[in-house]
C-alpha atoms as a PDB file:
ATOM      1  CA  UNK A   1     100.483  93.454 110.285  1.00  0.00           C
ATOM      2  CA  UNK A   2      99.775  95.024 107.062  1.00  0.00           C
ATOM      3  CA  UNK A   3     102.113  96.326 104.642  1.00  0.00           C
ATOM      4  CA  UNK A   4      99.402  99.029 104.183  1.00  0.00           C
ATOM      5  CA  UNK A   5      99.615  99.891 107.747  1.00  0.00           C
ATOM      6  CA  UNK A   6     103.194 100.246 108.061  1.00  0.00           C
ATOM      7  CA  UNK A   7     103.557 102.381 104.865  1.00  0.00           C
ATOM      8  CA  UNK A   8     100.689 104.745 106.360  1.00  0.00           C
ATOM      9  CA  UNK A   9     102.737 104.784 109.629  1.00  0.00           C
ATOM     10  CA  UNK A  10     105.845 105.857 107.799  1.00  0.00           C
ATOM     11  CA  UNK A  11     104.207 108.324 105.747  1.00  0.00           C
ATOM     12  CA  UNK A  12     102.799 109.857 109.163  1.00  0.00           C
ATOM     13  CA  UNK A  13     106.283 110.038 110.784  1.00  0.00           C
ATOM     14  CA  UNK A  14     107.918 111.747 107.556  1.00  0.00           C
ATOM     15  CA  UNK A  15     105.271 114.443 107.889  1.00  0.00           C
ATOM     16  CA  UNK A  16     104.089 113.870 104.391  1.00  0.00           C
ATOM     17  CA  UNK A  17     100.465 114.335 105.104  1.00  0.00           C
ATOM     18  CA  UNK A  18     101.009 117.600 106.717  1.00  0.00           C
ATOM     19  CA  UNK A  19     103.386 118.875 104.231  1.00  0.00           C
ATOM     20  CA  UNK A  20     101.383 117.630 101.118  1.00  0.00           C
ATOM     21  CA  UNK A  21      97.937 118.665 102.481  1.00  0.00           C
ATOM     22  CA  UNK A  22      96.914 120.372  99.172  1.00  0.00           C
ATOM     23  CA  UNK A  23      97.849 117.191  97.381  1.00  0.00           C
ATOM     24  CA  UNK A  24      95.779 115.143 100.029  1.00  0.00           C
ATOM     25  CA  UNK A  25      92.827 117.298  99.492  1.00  0.00           C
ATOM     26  CA  UNK A  26      92.754 116.738  95.905  1.00  0.00           C
ATOM     27  CA  UNK A  27      92.769 113.226  95.914  1.00  0.00           C
ATOM     28  CA  UNK A  28      90.032 113.047  98.683  1.00  0.00           C
ATOM     29  CA  UNK A  29      87.935 115.473  96.369  1.00  0.00           C
ATOM     30  CA  UNK A  30      88.355 112.914  93.463  1.00  0.00           C
ATOM     31  CA  UNK A  31      87.199 110.390  95.529  1.00  0.00           C
ATOM     32  CA  UNK A  32      84.172 111.966  96.888  1.00  0.00           C
ATOM     33  CA  UNK A  33      83.273 113.293  93.240  1.00  0.00           C
ATOM     34  CA  UNK A  34      83.396 109.542  91.772  1.00  0.00           C
ATOM     35  CA  UNK A  35      81.758 107.964  94.888  1.00  0.00           C
ATOM     36  CA  UNK A  36      78.898 110.747  94.274  1.00  0.00           C
ATOM     37  CA  UNK A  37      78.912 110.098  90.587  1.00  0.00           C
ATOM     38  CA  UNK A  38      78.488 106.189  90.995  1.00  0.00           C
ATOM     39  CA  UNK A  39      76.151 106.255  93.902  1.00  0.00           C
ATOM     40  CA  UNK A  40      74.414 109.654  94.232  1.00  0.00           C
ATOM     41  CA  UNK A  41      75.112 112.532  96.767  1.00  0.00           C
ATOM     42  CA  UNK A  42      73.243 111.118  99.792  1.00  0.00           C
ATOM     43  CA  UNK A  43      75.700 109.864 102.228  1.00  0.00           C
ATOM     44  CA  UNK A  44      73.304 107.933 104.218  1.00  0.00           C
ATOM     45  CA  UNK A  45      72.449 105.876 101.342  1.00  0.00           C
ATOM     46  CA  UNK A  46      76.055 105.752  99.792  1.00  0.00           C
ATOM     47  CA  UNK A  47      78.560 103.943 101.864  1.00  0.00           C
ATOM     48  CA  UNK A  48      81.372 104.682  99.678  1.00  0.00           C
ATOM     49  CA  UNK A  49      80.711 108.377  99.874  1.00  0.00           C
ATOM     50  CA  UNK A  50      80.374 108.145 103.435  1.00  0.00           C
ATOM     51  CA  UNK A  51      83.662 106.515 103.739  1.00  0.00           C
ATOM     52  CA  UNK A  52      85.297 109.337 101.622  1.00  0.00           C
ATOM     53  CA  UNK A  53      83.687 112.212 103.761  1.00  0.00           C
ATOM     54  CA  UNK A  54      85.002 110.572 106.934  1.00  0.00           C
ATOM     55  CA  UNK A  55      88.323 110.707 105.287  1.00  0.00           C
ATOM     56  CA  UNK A  56      87.942 114.197 104.336  1.00  0.00           C
ATOM     57  CA  UNK A  57      87.094 115.294 107.768  1.00  0.00           C
ATOM     58  CA  UNK A  58      89.864 113.577 109.223  1.00  0.00           C
ATOM     59  CA  UNK A  59      92.275 115.693 107.005  1.00  0.00           C
ATOM     60  CA  UNK A  60      90.381 118.876 108.166  1.00  0.00           C
ATOM     61  CA  UNK A  61      89.098 119.684 104.769  1.00  0.00           C
ATOM     62  CA  UNK A  62      86.619 122.487 104.824  1.00  0.00           C
ATOM     63  CA  UNK A  63      82.811 121.773 104.570  1.00  0.00           C
ATOM     64  CA  UNK A  64      82.578 123.688 101.605  1.00  0.00           C
ATOM     65  CA  UNK A  65      85.154 121.722  99.626  1.00  0.00           C
ATOM     66  CA  UNK A  66      83.206 118.499 100.615  1.00  0.00           C
ATOM     67  CA  UNK A  67      79.897 119.921  99.233  1.00  0.00           C
ATOM     68  CA  UNK A  68      81.166 121.250  96.005  1.00  0.00           C
ATOM     69  CA  UNK A  69      83.026 117.939  95.405  1.00  0.00           C
ATOM     70  CA  UNK A  70      79.530 115.792  95.804  1.00  0.00           C
ATOM     71  CA  UNK A  71      77.930 118.371  93.683  1.00  0.00           C
ATOM     72  CA  UNK A  72      80.434 117.885  90.805  1.00  0.00           C
ATOM     73  CA  UNK A  73      79.990 114.213  91.166  1.00  0.00           C
ATOM     74  CA  UNK A  74      76.012 114.373  90.918  1.00  0.00           C
ATOM     75  CA  UNK A  75      76.268 116.961  88.112  1.00  0.00           C
ATOM     76  CA  UNK A  76      74.901 120.000  89.795  1.00  0.00           C
ATOM     77  CA  UNK A  77      78.365 121.545  89.212  1.00  0.00           C
ATOM     78  CA  UNK A  78      80.729 121.192  86.143  1.00  0.00           C
ATOM     79  CA  UNK A  79      83.679 119.302  87.015  1.00  0.00           C
ATOM     80  CA  UNK A  80      86.265 116.700  85.624  1.00  0.00           C
ATOM     81  CA  UNK A  81      84.979 112.978  84.745  1.00  0.00           C
ATOM     82  CA  UNK A  82      87.336 110.391  86.322  1.00  0.00           C
ATOM     83  CA  UNK A  83      87.982 106.799  85.555  1.00  0.00           C
ATOM     84  CA  UNK A  84      88.980 104.180  88.089  1.00  0.00           C
ATOM     85  CA  UNK A  85      91.753 102.233  87.244  1.00  0.00           C
ATOM     86  CA  UNK A  86      94.337  99.714  89.076  1.00  0.00           C
ATOM     87  CA  UNK A  87      97.794  99.199  88.178  1.00  0.00           C
ATOM     88  CA  UNK A  88      99.767  95.953  89.247  1.00  0.00           C
ATOM     89  CA  UNK A  89     103.543  95.506  89.487  1.00  0.00           C
ATOM     90  CA  UNK A  90     106.542  94.499  91.426  1.00  0.00           C
ATOM     91  CA  UNK A  91     109.112  96.672  93.573  1.00  0.00           C
ATOM     92  CA  UNK A  92     112.787  95.857  94.372  1.00  0.00           C
ATOM     93  CA  UNK A  93     112.955  92.652  96.012  1.00  0.00           C
ATOM     94  CA  UNK A  94     109.948  91.218  94.245  1.00  0.00           C
ATOM     95  CA  UNK A  95     107.602  92.822  96.640  1.00  0.00           C
ATOM     96  CA  UNK A  96     103.929  93.075  95.329  1.00  0.00           C
ATOM     97  CA  UNK A  97     102.870  96.663  94.726  1.00  0.00           C
ATOM     98  CA  UNK A  98      98.907  97.322  93.935  1.00  0.00           C
ATOM     99  CA  UNK A  99      98.413 101.031  92.861  1.00  0.00           C
ATOM    100  CA  UNK A 100      94.548 102.343  92.712  1.00  0.00           C
ATOM    101  CA  UNK A 101      94.182 105.515  90.621  1.00  0.00           C
ATOM    102  CA  UNK A 102      91.258 108.095  89.454  1.00  0.00           C
ATOM    103  CA  UNK A 103      92.326 109.737  86.047  1.00  0.00           C
ATOM    104  CA  UNK A 104      90.866 111.891  83.498  1.00  0.00           C
ATOM    105  CA  UNK A 105      93.495 110.780  80.907  1.00  0.00           C
ATOM    106  CA  UNK A 106      94.614 106.788  81.329  1.00  0.00           C
ATOM    107  CA  UNK A 107      97.100 107.106  78.748  1.00  0.00           C
ATOM    108  CA  UNK A 108      98.939 109.685  80.781  1.00  0.00           C
ATOM    109  CA  UNK A 109      98.568 108.256  83.822  1.00  0.00           C
ATOM    110  CA  UNK A 110      99.652 104.464  82.645  1.00  0.00           C
ATOM    111  CA  UNK A 111     102.831 106.069  81.201  1.00  0.00           C
ATOM    112  CA  UNK A 112     103.670 108.016  84.298  1.00  0.00           C
ATOM    113  CA  UNK A 113     103.169 104.870  86.661  1.00  0.00           C
ATOM    114  CA  UNK A 114     105.285 102.587  84.395  1.00  0.00           C
ATOM    115  CA  UNK A 115     108.042 105.143  84.233  1.00  0.00           C
ATOM    116  CA  UNK A 116     107.798 105.446  88.179  1.00  0.00           C
ATOM    117  CA  UNK A 117     108.011 101.787  88.401  1.00  0.00           C
ATOM    118  CA  UNK A 118     110.959 101.679  85.999  1.00  0.00           C
ATOM    119  CA  UNK A 119     113.063 104.102  87.726  1.00  0.00           C
ATOM    120  CA  UNK A 120     112.386 102.961  91.124  1.00  0.00           C
ATOM    121  CA  UNK A 121     113.958  99.567  90.356  1.00  0.00           C
ATOM    122  CA  UNK A 122     110.379  97.480  89.747  1.00  0.00           C
ATOM    123  CA  UNK A 123     108.216  96.978  86.574  1.00  0.00           C
ATOM    124  CA  UNK A 124     104.591  97.089  85.962  1.00  0.00           C
ATOM    125  CA  UNK A 125     102.833  93.623  85.552  1.00  0.00           C
ATOM    126  CA  UNK A 126      99.791  92.280  83.734  1.00  0.00           C
ATOM    127  CA  UNK A 127      96.312  92.829  85.414  1.00  0.00           C
ATOM    128  CA  UNK A 128      95.751  90.172  87.974  1.00  0.00           C
ATOM    129  CA  UNK A 129      99.728  89.444  88.624  1.00  0.00           C
ATOM    130  CA  UNK A 130      99.447  90.861  92.254  1.00  0.00           C
ATOM    131  CA  UNK A 131      95.678  91.784  92.984  1.00  0.00           C
ATOM    132  CA  UNK A 132      94.878  88.202  94.238  1.00  0.00           C
ATOM    133  CA  UNK A 133      97.394  88.706  97.316  1.00  0.00           C
ATOM    134  CA  UNK A 134      95.211  91.326  98.742  1.00  0.00           C
ATOM    135  CA  UNK A 135      91.955  91.537 100.146  1.00  0.00           C
ATOM    136  CA  UNK A 136      89.437  94.722 101.176  1.00  0.00           C
ATOM    137  CA  UNK A 137      89.517  95.377 104.679  1.00  0.00           C
ATOM    138  CA  UNK A 138      88.458  98.140 106.893  1.00  0.00           C
ATOM    139  CA  UNK A 139      90.948  99.876 108.887  1.00  0.00           C
ATOM    140  CA  UNK A 140      90.626 102.192 111.766  1.00  0.00           C
ATOM    141  CA  UNK A 141      93.762 103.790 113.685  1.00  0.00           C
ATOM    142  CA  UNK A 142      93.780 105.089 117.204  1.00  0.00           C
ATOM    143  CA  UNK A 143      96.661 107.028 118.597  1.00  0.00           C
ATOM    144  CA  UNK A 144      98.528 104.894 121.157  1.00  0.00           C
ATOM    145  CA  UNK A 145      99.406 108.002 123.321  1.00  0.00           C
ATOM    146  CA  UNK A 146      95.750 108.723 124.077  1.00  0.00           C
ATOM    147  CA  UNK A 147      94.629 104.935 124.410  1.00  0.00           C
ATOM    148  CA  UNK A 148      95.782 101.613 125.661  1.00  0.00           C
ATOM    149  CA  UNK A 149      95.344  98.529 123.146  1.00  0.00           C
ATOM    150  CA  UNK A 150      93.217  96.863 126.113  1.00  0.00           C
ATOM    151  CA  UNK A 151      90.670  99.793 126.104  1.00  0.00           C
ATOM    152  CA  UNK A 152      90.540  99.483 122.227  1.00  0.00           C
ATOM    153  CA  UNK A 153      90.701  95.659 122.116  1.00  0.00           C
ATOM    154  CA  UNK A 154      87.520  95.177 124.363  1.00  0.00           C
ATOM    155  CA  UNK A 155      85.237  97.641 122.575  1.00  0.00           C
ATOM    156  CA  UNK A 156      86.178  96.960 119.466  1.00  0.00           C
ATOM    157  CA  UNK A 157      85.662  93.129 119.382  1.00  0.00           C
ATOM    158  CA  UNK A 158      82.240  93.772 121.358  1.00  0.00           C
ATOM    159  CA  UNK A 159      81.584  95.831 118.189  1.00  0.00           C
ATOM    160  CA  UNK A 160      82.257  92.895 115.721  1.00  0.00           C
ATOM    161  CA  UNK A 161      85.965  93.824 114.769  1.00  0.00           C
ATOM    162  CA  UNK A 162      88.338  91.114 113.354  1.00  0.00           C
ATOM    163  CA  UNK A 163      91.723  91.972 115.029  1.00  0.00           C
ATOM    164  CA  UNK A 164      93.210  94.640 116.958  1.00  0.00           C
ATOM    165  CA  UNK A 165      97.361  95.263 116.859  1.00  0.00           C
ATOM    166  CA  UNK A 166      99.632  97.897 117.588  1.00  0.00           C
ATOM    167  CA  UNK A 167     101.792  99.206 114.793  1.00  0.00           C
ATOM    168  CA  UNK A 168     104.469 101.657 115.892  1.00  0.00           C
ATOM    169  CA  UNK A 169     102.298 104.606 117.637  1.00  0.00           C
ATOM    170  CA  UNK A 170      98.909 103.462 116.150  1.00  0.00           C
ATOM    171  CA  UNK A 171      96.534 101.101 117.576  1.00  0.00           C
ATOM    172  CA  UNK A 172      94.815  99.535 114.430  1.00  0.00           C
ATOM    173  CA  UNK A 173      91.588  97.847 114.363  1.00  0.00           C
ATOM    174  CA  UNK A 174      90.807  95.489 111.195  1.00  0.00           C
ATOM    175  CA  UNK A 175      87.152  94.917 110.184  1.00  0.00           C
ATOM    176  CA  UNK A 176      85.494  93.404 107.413  1.00  0.00           C
ATOM    177  CA  UNK A 177      84.312  96.109 104.636  1.00  0.00           C
ATOM    178  CA  UNK A 178      80.784  95.704 105.529  1.00  0.00           C
ATOM    179  CA  UNK A 179      81.207  96.026 109.266  1.00  0.00           C
ATOM    180  CA  UNK A 180      83.433  98.855 109.059  1.00  0.00           C
ATOM    181  CA  UNK A 181      80.908 101.577 109.599  1.00  0.00           C
ATOM    182  CA  UNK A 182      79.182  99.775 112.564  1.00  0.00           C
ATOM    183  CA  UNK A 183      82.574  99.156 114.305  1.00  0.00           C
ATOM    184  CA  UNK A 184      83.704 102.758 113.974  1.00  0.00           C
ATOM    185  CA  UNK A 185      80.241 104.199 115.033  1.00  0.00           C
ATOM    186  CA  UNK A 186      80.221 102.105 118.117  1.00  0.00           C
ATOM    187  CA  UNK A 187      83.850 103.115 119.171  1.00  0.00           C
ATOM    188  CA  UNK A 188      83.222 106.928 118.589  1.00  0.00           C
ATOM    189  CA  UNK A 189      79.995 106.459 120.660  1.00  0.00           C
ATOM    190  CA  UNK A 190      82.297 104.780 123.410  1.00  0.00           C
ATOM    191  CA  UNK A 191      84.453 107.865 123.351  1.00  0.00           C
ATOM    192  CA  UNK A 192      87.303 106.635 121.117  1.00  0.00           C
ATOM    193  CA  UNK A 193      88.422 109.161 118.731  1.00  0.00           C
ATOM    194  CA  UNK A 194      90.054 107.842 115.409  1.00  0.00           C
ATOM    195  CA  UNK A 195      93.232 108.795 113.872  1.00  0.00           C
ATOM    196  CA  UNK A 196      92.636 107.215 110.562  1.00  0.00           C
ATOM    197  CA  UNK A 197      89.743 105.237 109.150  1.00  0.00           C
ATOM    198  CA  UNK A 198      89.369 103.852 105.473  1.00  0.00           C
ATOM    199  CA  UNK A 199      88.633 100.755 103.473  1.00  0.00           C
ATOM    200  CA  UNK A 200      92.043  99.463 102.046  1.00  0.00           C
ATOM    201  CA  UNK A 201      93.698  96.594 100.216  1.00  0.00           C
ATOM    202  CA  UNK A 202      95.469  94.627 102.924  1.00  0.00           C
ATOM    203  CA  UNK A 203      97.934  91.889 102.076  1.00  0.00           C
ATOM    204  CA  UNK A 204      97.076  88.114 103.175  1.00  0.00           C
ATOM    205  CA  UNK A 205     100.816  87.718 103.992  1.00  0.00           C
ATOM    206  CA  UNK A 206     103.956  89.969 104.005  1.00  0.00           C
ATOM    207  CA  UNK A 207     107.542  89.441 102.829  1.00  0.00           C
ATOM    208  CA  UNK A 208     110.751  90.709 104.492  1.00  0.00           C
ATOM    209  CA  UNK A 209     113.458  92.316 102.500  1.00  0.00           C
ATOM    210  CA  UNK A 210     117.031  93.449 103.636  1.00  0.00           C
ATOM    211  CA  UNK A 211     117.552  96.974 104.700  1.00  0.00           C
ATOM    212  CA  UNK A 212     118.841  98.123 101.311  1.00  0.00           C
ATOM    213  CA  UNK A 213     115.868  96.655  99.113  1.00  0.00           C
ATOM    214  CA  UNK A 214     113.381  97.605 101.977  1.00  0.00           C
ATOM    215  CA  UNK A 215     114.554 101.344 101.445  1.00  0.00           C
ATOM    216  CA  UNK A 216     114.561 100.985  97.727  1.00  0.00           C
ATOM    217  CA  UNK A 217     111.010  99.564  97.717  1.00  0.00           C
ATOM    218  CA  UNK A 218     109.559 102.140 100.088  1.00  0.00           C
ATOM    219  CA  UNK A 219     110.894 105.080  97.893  1.00  0.00           C
ATOM    220  CA  UNK A 220     109.443 103.545  94.900  1.00  0.00           C
ATOM    221  CA  UNK A 221     106.018 103.214  96.935  1.00  0.00           C
ATOM    222  CA  UNK A 222     106.780 106.754  98.023  1.00  0.00           C
ATOM    223  CA  UNK A 223     107.014 108.153  94.411  1.00  0.00           C
ATOM    224  CA  UNK A 224     103.881 106.172  93.252  1.00  0.00           C
ATOM    225  CA  UNK A 225     101.980 107.581  96.390  1.00  0.00           C
ATOM    226  CA  UNK A 226     102.857 111.183  95.385  1.00  0.00           C
ATOM    227  CA  UNK A 227     101.377 111.078  91.793  1.00  0.00           C
ATOM    228  CA  UNK A 228      98.269 113.210  91.761  1.00  0.00           C
ATOM    229  CA  UNK A 229      96.172 110.747  90.207  1.00  0.00           C
ATOM    230  CA  UNK A 230      96.964 107.828  92.681  1.00  0.00           C
ATOM    231  CA  UNK A 231      94.801 107.330  95.474  1.00  0.00           C
ATOM    232  CA  UNK A 232      96.263 104.551  97.386  1.00  0.00           C
ATOM    233  CA  UNK A 233      99.226 102.176  97.342  1.00  0.00           C
ATOM    234  CA  UNK A 234      99.209  98.627  98.955  1.00  0.00           C
ATOM    235  CA  UNK A 235     102.126  96.448  99.182  1.00  0.00           C
ATOM    236  CA  UNK A 236     103.023  93.257 100.907  1.00  0.00           C
ATOM    237  CA  UNK A 237     106.239  94.513 102.014  1.00  0.00           C
ATOM    238  CA  UNK A 238     106.814  93.838 106.051  1.00  0.00           C
ATOM    239  CA  UNK A 239     108.724  96.868 107.312  1.00  0.00           C
ATOM    240  CA  UNK A 240     110.114  96.766 110.791  1.00  0.00           C
ATOM    241  CA  UNK A 241     108.586  98.961 113.325  1.00  0.00           C
ATOM    242  CA  UNK A 242     111.830 100.807 114.242  1.00  0.00           C
ATOM    243  CA  UNK A 243     112.863 101.008 110.569  1.00  0.00           C
ATOM    244  CA  UNK A 244     113.650 104.642 109.551  1.00  0.00           C
ATOM    245  CA  UNK A 245     113.535 105.873 105.698  1.00  0.00           C
ATOM    246  CA  UNK A 246     116.473 108.004 105.327  1.00  0.00           C
ATOM    247  CA  UNK A 247     116.440 110.875 103.204  1.00  0.00           C
ATOM    248  CA  UNK A 248     118.235 110.256  99.795  1.00  0.00           C
END
């Protein structure tokens, strides 16, 4: 079970995605823009753009927003120029935290991230200090109230998935990045509708902390994830399925 998935599950339970839909849209628009800038505006020829559009549709982003973001990336519309940057560090209890961001001001974002780590009981590290602990994987989630793990398992393995597991109320499929689209397409054709699909950085192994340190680490991760420039936060923290993050 991936730390990334556990964090995604907790966010979903807390209603963060719904409560901050505007912020979610902003982050997805940035990703679409840079994907179109780097690989062109044709989603059929640009896997990264296809994945970003998939995430946009999953968040119920209007089609017009998606099209404008693509045009900004290709230069057909004026827009901000974003730079990709990763920050690595440690949270309470020494857990590894990897932050991927898109920013138009690297100095501002770096200062913000460093300050957030410090205030949250962690510290920003040097480049490479934790990145080696993670691998890029395709993650596809399905609502366990709609489907059984057995149904998903059989279809997923036939499609070329690596693994299937149940995390909280989500049945999660793990794939190699190159197989992500093919597995998702096959499952969709078989009648399964995903609740989440993305390429993410997943830890090779997880670490377990006591309840107090787990809560502190999750609050730091939440603060980082809330930053407008942060696209994703990955961690090797193992969170029990029944863990509830209480409001401060």
